[in-house]
N, C-alpha and C. Protein backbone atom coordinates (compact mmCIF):
# COMPACT_ATOMS: atom_id res chain seq x y z
N UNK A 1 19.10 -15.01 -5.12
CA UNK A 1 20.08 -14.02 -5.55
C UNK A 1 20.14 -12.89 -4.53
N UNK A 2 21.30 -12.39 -4.28
CA UNK A 2 21.51 -11.30 -3.34
C UNK A 2 20.81 -10.04 -3.84
N UNK A 3 20.12 -9.35 -2.95
CA UNK A 3 19.39 -8.14 -3.33
C UNK A 3 20.30 -7.04 -3.84
N UNK A 4 21.57 -7.06 -3.45
CA UNK A 4 22.49 -6.02 -3.89
C UNK A 4 22.91 -6.22 -5.34
N UNK A 5 22.67 -7.41 -5.88
CA UNK A 5 23.09 -7.70 -7.25
C UNK A 5 21.91 -7.92 -8.19
N UNK A 6 20.78 -7.36 -7.88
CA UNK A 6 19.60 -7.51 -8.75
C UNK A 6 19.86 -6.80 -10.08
N UNK A 7 19.43 -7.42 -11.14
CA UNK A 7 19.58 -6.83 -12.46
C UNK A 7 18.50 -5.79 -12.70
N UNK A 8 18.69 -5.00 -13.72
CA UNK A 8 17.67 -4.00 -14.08
C UNK A 8 16.35 -4.67 -14.41
N UNK A 9 16.40 -5.83 -15.03
CA UNK A 9 15.19 -6.58 -15.37
C UNK A 9 14.45 -7.02 -14.12
N UNK A 10 15.19 -7.49 -13.12
CA UNK A 10 14.57 -7.91 -11.86
C UNK A 10 13.96 -6.71 -11.13
N UNK A 11 14.67 -5.61 -11.12
CA UNK A 11 14.14 -4.39 -10.49
C UNK A 11 12.88 -3.93 -11.21
N UNK A 12 12.89 -3.98 -12.54
CA UNK A 12 11.71 -3.58 -13.32
C UNK A 12 10.51 -4.47 -12.99
N UNK A 13 10.76 -5.77 -12.83
CA UNK A 13 9.68 -6.70 -12.50
C UNK A 13 9.13 -6.41 -11.10
N UNK A 14 10.00 -6.11 -10.15
CA UNK A 14 9.56 -5.78 -8.80
C UNK A 14 8.81 -4.46 -8.77
N UNK A 15 9.25 -3.51 -9.59
CA UNK A 15 8.55 -2.23 -9.68
C UNK A 15 7.14 -2.45 -10.21
N UNK A 16 7.01 -3.27 -11.25
CA UNK A 16 5.70 -3.57 -11.81
C UNK A 16 4.82 -4.27 -10.77
N UNK A 17 5.40 -5.16 -10.00
CA UNK A 17 4.69 -5.85 -8.93
C UNK A 17 4.15 -4.83 -7.93
N UNK A 18 5.00 -3.85 -7.58
CA UNK A 18 4.58 -2.79 -6.66
C UNK A 18 3.46 -1.95 -7.26
N UNK A 19 3.53 -1.66 -8.54
CA UNK A 19 2.46 -0.90 -9.20
C UNK A 19 1.14 -1.66 -9.10
N UNK A 20 1.21 -2.95 -9.30
CA UNK A 20 0.00 -3.77 -9.23
C UNK A 20 -0.59 -3.72 -7.83
N UNK A 21 0.26 -3.79 -6.80
CA UNK A 21 -0.29 -3.77 -5.44
C UNK A 21 -0.91 -2.41 -5.11
N UNK A 22 -0.27 -1.32 -5.56
CA UNK A 22 -0.89 0.00 -5.35
C UNK A 22 -2.26 0.04 -6.02
N UNK A 23 -2.35 -0.44 -7.24
CA UNK A 23 -3.62 -0.42 -7.98
C UNK A 23 -4.66 -1.30 -7.28
N UNK A 24 -4.24 -2.44 -6.76
CA UNK A 24 -5.18 -3.31 -6.04
C UNK A 24 -5.72 -2.63 -4.79
N UNK A 25 -4.84 -1.92 -4.06
CA UNK A 25 -5.32 -1.17 -2.89
C UNK A 25 -6.36 -0.13 -3.32
N UNK A 26 -6.07 0.61 -4.37
CA UNK A 26 -7.00 1.64 -4.84
C UNK A 26 -8.28 1.03 -5.39
N UNK A 27 -8.17 -0.10 -6.08
CA UNK A 27 -9.35 -0.77 -6.62
C UNK A 27 -10.26 -1.27 -5.50
N UNK A 28 -9.70 -1.47 -4.33
CA UNK A 28 -10.50 -1.91 -3.19
C UNK A 28 -11.62 -0.96 -2.85
N UNK A 29 -11.48 0.31 -3.20
CA UNK A 29 -12.55 1.28 -2.96
C UNK A 29 -13.77 0.96 -3.83
N UNK A 30 -13.55 0.36 -4.98
CA UNK A 30 -14.65 0.03 -5.87
C UNK A 30 -15.10 -1.42 -5.73
N UNK A 31 -14.13 -2.32 -5.60
CA UNK A 31 -14.43 -3.75 -5.58
C UNK A 31 -14.65 -4.25 -4.15
N UNK A 32 -13.85 -3.75 -3.24
CA UNK A 32 -14.07 -4.07 -1.84
C UNK A 32 -13.18 -5.14 -1.23
N UNK A 33 -12.49 -5.94 -2.00
CA UNK A 33 -11.68 -7.00 -1.41
C UNK A 33 -10.26 -7.06 -1.96
N UNK A 34 -9.94 -6.30 -2.97
CA UNK A 34 -8.62 -6.39 -3.59
C UNK A 34 -7.50 -5.93 -2.66
N UNK A 35 -7.82 -5.15 -1.63
CA UNK A 35 -6.83 -4.75 -0.64
C UNK A 35 -6.27 -5.97 0.08
N UNK A 36 -7.10 -7.01 0.25
CA UNK A 36 -6.65 -8.23 0.90
C UNK A 36 -5.62 -8.96 0.03
N UNK A 37 -5.86 -8.98 -1.26
CA UNK A 37 -4.89 -9.58 -2.19
C UNK A 37 -3.59 -8.80 -2.16
N UNK A 38 -3.70 -7.46 -2.15
CA UNK A 38 -2.51 -6.60 -2.16
C UNK A 38 -1.65 -6.79 -0.91
N UNK A 39 -2.25 -6.88 0.26
CA UNK A 39 -1.45 -7.03 1.48
C UNK A 39 -0.76 -8.38 1.50
N UNK A 40 -1.42 -9.41 1.02
CA UNK A 40 -0.78 -10.73 0.94
C UNK A 40 0.40 -10.66 -0.04
N UNK A 41 0.19 -10.02 -1.19
CA UNK A 41 1.27 -9.88 -2.17
C UNK A 41 2.45 -9.12 -1.58
N UNK A 42 2.18 -8.08 -0.79
CA UNK A 42 3.25 -7.31 -0.16
C UNK A 42 4.10 -8.19 0.74
N UNK A 43 3.46 -9.00 1.55
CA UNK A 43 4.22 -9.86 2.45
C UNK A 43 4.97 -10.97 1.70
N UNK A 44 4.40 -11.46 0.60
CA UNK A 44 5.05 -12.50 -0.18
C UNK A 44 6.35 -12.00 -0.81
N UNK A 45 6.35 -10.79 -1.34
CA UNK A 45 7.53 -10.26 -2.06
C UNK A 45 8.41 -9.34 -1.22
N UNK A 46 8.07 -9.14 0.03
CA UNK A 46 8.82 -8.21 0.86
C UNK A 46 10.32 -8.55 0.92
N UNK A 47 10.64 -9.81 1.11
CA UNK A 47 12.05 -10.20 1.18
C UNK A 47 12.78 -9.98 -0.13
N UNK A 48 12.10 -10.17 -1.25
CA UNK A 48 12.72 -9.95 -2.56
C UNK A 48 13.09 -8.48 -2.78
N UNK A 49 12.40 -7.59 -2.11
CA UNK A 49 12.64 -6.16 -2.31
C UNK A 49 13.64 -5.57 -1.31
N UNK A 50 14.01 -6.37 -0.32
CA UNK A 50 14.99 -5.89 0.67
C UNK A 50 16.29 -5.49 -0.01
N UNK A 51 16.82 -4.34 0.41
CA UNK A 51 18.08 -3.87 -0.14
C UNK A 51 17.94 -3.09 -1.43
N UNK A 52 16.71 -2.95 -1.92
CA UNK A 52 16.48 -2.16 -3.14
C UNK A 52 15.69 -0.91 -2.75
N UNK A 53 15.60 0.03 -3.66
CA UNK A 53 14.81 1.25 -3.39
C UNK A 53 13.33 0.92 -3.29
N UNK A 54 12.93 -0.24 -3.80
CA UNK A 54 11.52 -0.63 -3.75
C UNK A 54 11.08 -1.11 -2.37
N UNK A 55 12.06 -1.40 -1.52
CA UNK A 55 11.74 -1.81 -0.15
C UNK A 55 10.92 -0.73 0.56
N UNK A 56 11.26 0.53 0.30
CA UNK A 56 10.51 1.62 0.95
C UNK A 56 9.04 1.59 0.54
N UNK A 57 8.77 1.19 -0.68
CA UNK A 57 7.38 1.16 -1.16
C UNK A 57 6.58 0.02 -0.52
N UNK A 58 7.18 -1.14 -0.45
CA UNK A 58 6.45 -2.27 0.14
C UNK A 58 6.20 -2.01 1.62
N UNK A 59 7.18 -1.45 2.33
CA UNK A 59 6.98 -1.12 3.74
C UNK A 59 5.94 -0.02 3.91
N UNK A 60 5.95 0.95 3.02
CA UNK A 60 4.98 2.06 3.03
C UNK A 60 3.56 1.52 2.83
N UNK A 61 3.41 0.60 1.90
CA UNK A 61 2.09 0.03 1.64
C UNK A 61 1.59 -0.79 2.83
N UNK A 62 2.48 -1.56 3.42
CA UNK A 62 2.09 -2.38 4.58
C UNK A 62 1.68 -1.48 5.74
N UNK A 63 2.47 -0.44 6.00
CA UNK A 63 2.16 0.50 7.09
C UNK A 63 0.82 1.21 6.81
N UNK A 64 0.63 1.65 5.58
CA UNK A 64 -0.61 2.32 5.21
C UNK A 64 -1.80 1.39 5.42
N UNK A 65 -1.65 0.14 5.01
CA UNK A 65 -2.74 -0.83 5.16
C UNK A 65 -3.14 -0.98 6.61
N UNK A 66 -2.17 -1.25 7.49
CA UNK A 66 -2.51 -1.55 8.89
C UNK A 66 -3.06 -0.34 9.63
N UNK A 67 -2.50 0.83 9.38
CA UNK A 67 -3.04 2.03 10.04
C UNK A 67 -4.46 2.31 9.54
N UNK A 68 -4.67 2.18 8.24
CA UNK A 68 -6.01 2.40 7.67
C UNK A 68 -6.99 1.36 8.19
N UNK A 69 -6.55 0.12 8.25
CA UNK A 69 -7.41 -0.97 8.73
C UNK A 69 -7.92 -0.67 10.14
N UNK A 70 -7.00 -0.29 11.02
CA UNK A 70 -7.38 0.05 12.39
C UNK A 70 -8.30 1.27 12.39
N UNK A 71 -7.97 2.27 11.58
CA UNK A 71 -8.80 3.47 11.50
C UNK A 71 -10.21 3.16 11.03
N UNK A 72 -10.34 2.29 10.03
CA UNK A 72 -11.67 1.93 9.54
C UNK A 72 -12.46 1.15 10.59
N UNK A 73 -11.79 0.28 11.34
CA UNK A 73 -12.46 -0.48 12.40
C UNK A 73 -12.97 0.48 13.48
N UNK A 74 -12.09 1.38 13.92
CA UNK A 74 -12.49 2.36 14.95
C UNK A 74 -13.65 3.22 14.44
N UNK A 75 -13.53 3.69 13.20
CA UNK A 75 -14.60 4.51 12.62
C UNK A 75 -15.91 3.76 12.53
N UNK A 76 -15.85 2.50 12.12
CA UNK A 76 -17.07 1.69 12.00
C UNK A 76 -17.70 1.46 13.37
N UNK A 77 -16.86 1.19 14.37
CA UNK A 77 -17.39 0.96 15.72
C UNK A 77 -18.02 2.23 16.29
N UNK A 78 -17.45 3.37 15.95
CA UNK A 78 -17.97 4.64 16.46
C UNK A 78 -19.04 5.25 15.55
N UNK A 79 -19.42 4.53 14.49
CA UNK A 79 -20.43 5.05 13.58
C UNK A 79 -21.79 5.16 14.26
N UNK A 80 -21.94 4.50 15.38
CA UNK A 80 -23.17 4.63 16.17
C UNK A 80 -23.31 6.09 16.61
N UNK A 81 -22.14 6.68 16.87
CA UNK A 81 -22.07 8.09 17.24
C UNK A 81 -21.55 8.82 16.00
N UNK A 82 -21.92 10.02 15.81
CA UNK A 82 -21.58 10.78 14.59
C UNK A 82 -20.08 10.84 14.33
N UNK A 83 -19.27 10.86 15.37
CA UNK A 83 -17.82 10.99 15.20
C UNK A 83 -17.23 9.86 14.35
N UNK A 84 -17.88 8.70 14.37
CA UNK A 84 -17.41 7.57 13.58
C UNK A 84 -17.37 7.88 12.09
N UNK A 85 -18.37 8.61 11.60
CA UNK A 85 -18.40 8.97 10.19
C UNK A 85 -17.29 9.95 9.83
N UNK A 86 -16.98 10.83 10.77
CA UNK A 86 -15.87 11.77 10.57
C UNK A 86 -14.55 11.01 10.51
N UNK A 87 -14.40 10.04 11.40
CA UNK A 87 -13.18 9.22 11.41
C UNK A 87 -13.07 8.43 10.11
N UNK A 88 -14.16 7.84 9.66
CA UNK A 88 -14.14 7.07 8.40
C UNK A 88 -13.74 7.95 7.22
N UNK A 89 -14.28 9.15 7.17
CA UNK A 89 -13.93 10.07 6.09
C UNK A 89 -12.46 10.47 6.17
N UNK A 90 -11.98 10.77 7.36
CA UNK A 90 -10.58 11.16 7.54
C UNK A 90 -9.64 10.02 7.15
N UNK A 91 -9.97 8.81 7.54
CA UNK A 91 -9.13 7.65 7.19
C UNK A 91 -9.14 7.43 5.69
N UNK A 92 -10.30 7.56 5.07
CA UNK A 92 -10.40 7.40 3.62
C UNK A 92 -9.49 8.41 2.89
N UNK A 93 -9.57 9.67 3.29
CA UNK A 93 -8.77 10.72 2.65
C UNK A 93 -7.28 10.44 2.87
N UNK A 94 -6.89 10.11 4.10
CA UNK A 94 -5.49 9.82 4.42
C UNK A 94 -4.99 8.62 3.62
N UNK A 95 -5.79 7.57 3.58
CA UNK A 95 -5.42 6.35 2.87
C UNK A 95 -5.26 6.61 1.37
N UNK A 96 -6.24 7.27 0.77
CA UNK A 96 -6.18 7.56 -0.67
C UNK A 96 -4.98 8.45 -0.99
N UNK A 97 -4.75 9.45 -0.15
CA UNK A 97 -3.60 10.34 -0.34
C UNK A 97 -2.29 9.56 -0.34
N UNK A 98 -2.11 8.70 0.67
CA UNK A 98 -0.85 7.95 0.77
C UNK A 98 -0.68 7.00 -0.42
N UNK A 99 -1.74 6.35 -0.84
CA UNK A 99 -1.63 5.42 -1.97
C UNK A 99 -1.30 6.15 -3.26
N UNK A 100 -1.95 7.27 -3.49
CA UNK A 100 -1.67 8.05 -4.71
C UNK A 100 -0.26 8.63 -4.65
N UNK A 101 0.12 9.17 -3.50
CA UNK A 101 1.48 9.70 -3.33
C UNK A 101 2.53 8.62 -3.58
N UNK A 102 2.31 7.44 -3.04
CA UNK A 102 3.25 6.33 -3.23
C UNK A 102 3.33 5.88 -4.68
N UNK A 103 2.19 5.80 -5.35
CA UNK A 103 2.17 5.40 -6.75
C UNK A 103 2.90 6.40 -7.63
N UNK A 104 2.72 7.67 -7.35
CA UNK A 104 3.42 8.71 -8.11
C UNK A 104 4.92 8.61 -7.86
N UNK A 105 5.33 8.42 -6.61
CA UNK A 105 6.76 8.28 -6.29
C UNK A 105 7.34 7.05 -6.97
N UNK A 106 6.59 5.96 -6.97
CA UNK A 106 7.05 4.73 -7.63
C UNK A 106 7.26 4.96 -9.12
N UNK A 107 6.32 5.61 -9.75
CA UNK A 107 6.43 5.87 -11.19
C UNK A 107 7.59 6.80 -11.51
N UNK A 108 7.98 7.65 -10.53
CA UNK A 108 9.12 8.54 -10.72
C UNK A 108 10.43 7.92 -10.22
N UNK A 109 10.39 6.64 -9.86
CA UNK A 109 11.56 5.91 -9.33
C UNK A 109 12.14 6.55 -8.08
N UNK A 110 11.25 7.02 -7.20
CA UNK A 110 11.67 7.68 -5.97
C UNK A 110 11.25 6.86 -4.75
N UNK A 111 11.96 7.07 -3.65
CA UNK A 111 11.59 6.47 -2.38
C UNK A 111 10.37 7.17 -1.80
N UNK A 112 9.66 6.49 -0.92
CA UNK A 112 8.59 7.14 -0.16
C UNK A 112 8.94 7.13 1.30
């Protein structure tokens, strides 16, 4: 079905899907692997969200994931030196902020 003609029910289902992926990213802080499930889910449904306001959320989540992933790798590699721990903390704060900001915007039916 064309993304321009999605019904309210389809949009609601995609919104719920997006909520689940945000929650999976956040749960990754406690569980440790749910971020991997979330990024796969983002790529699976990305085409379905094209042309809707939810496209901004899926792109936002994907961008947040990759920048955070690189930041965590750099921080972990530099953890031998004290600066690595500072980088890890900064990436954690940035990542959590973006995920919470995105989830709030999603719940308010707003773009990010």
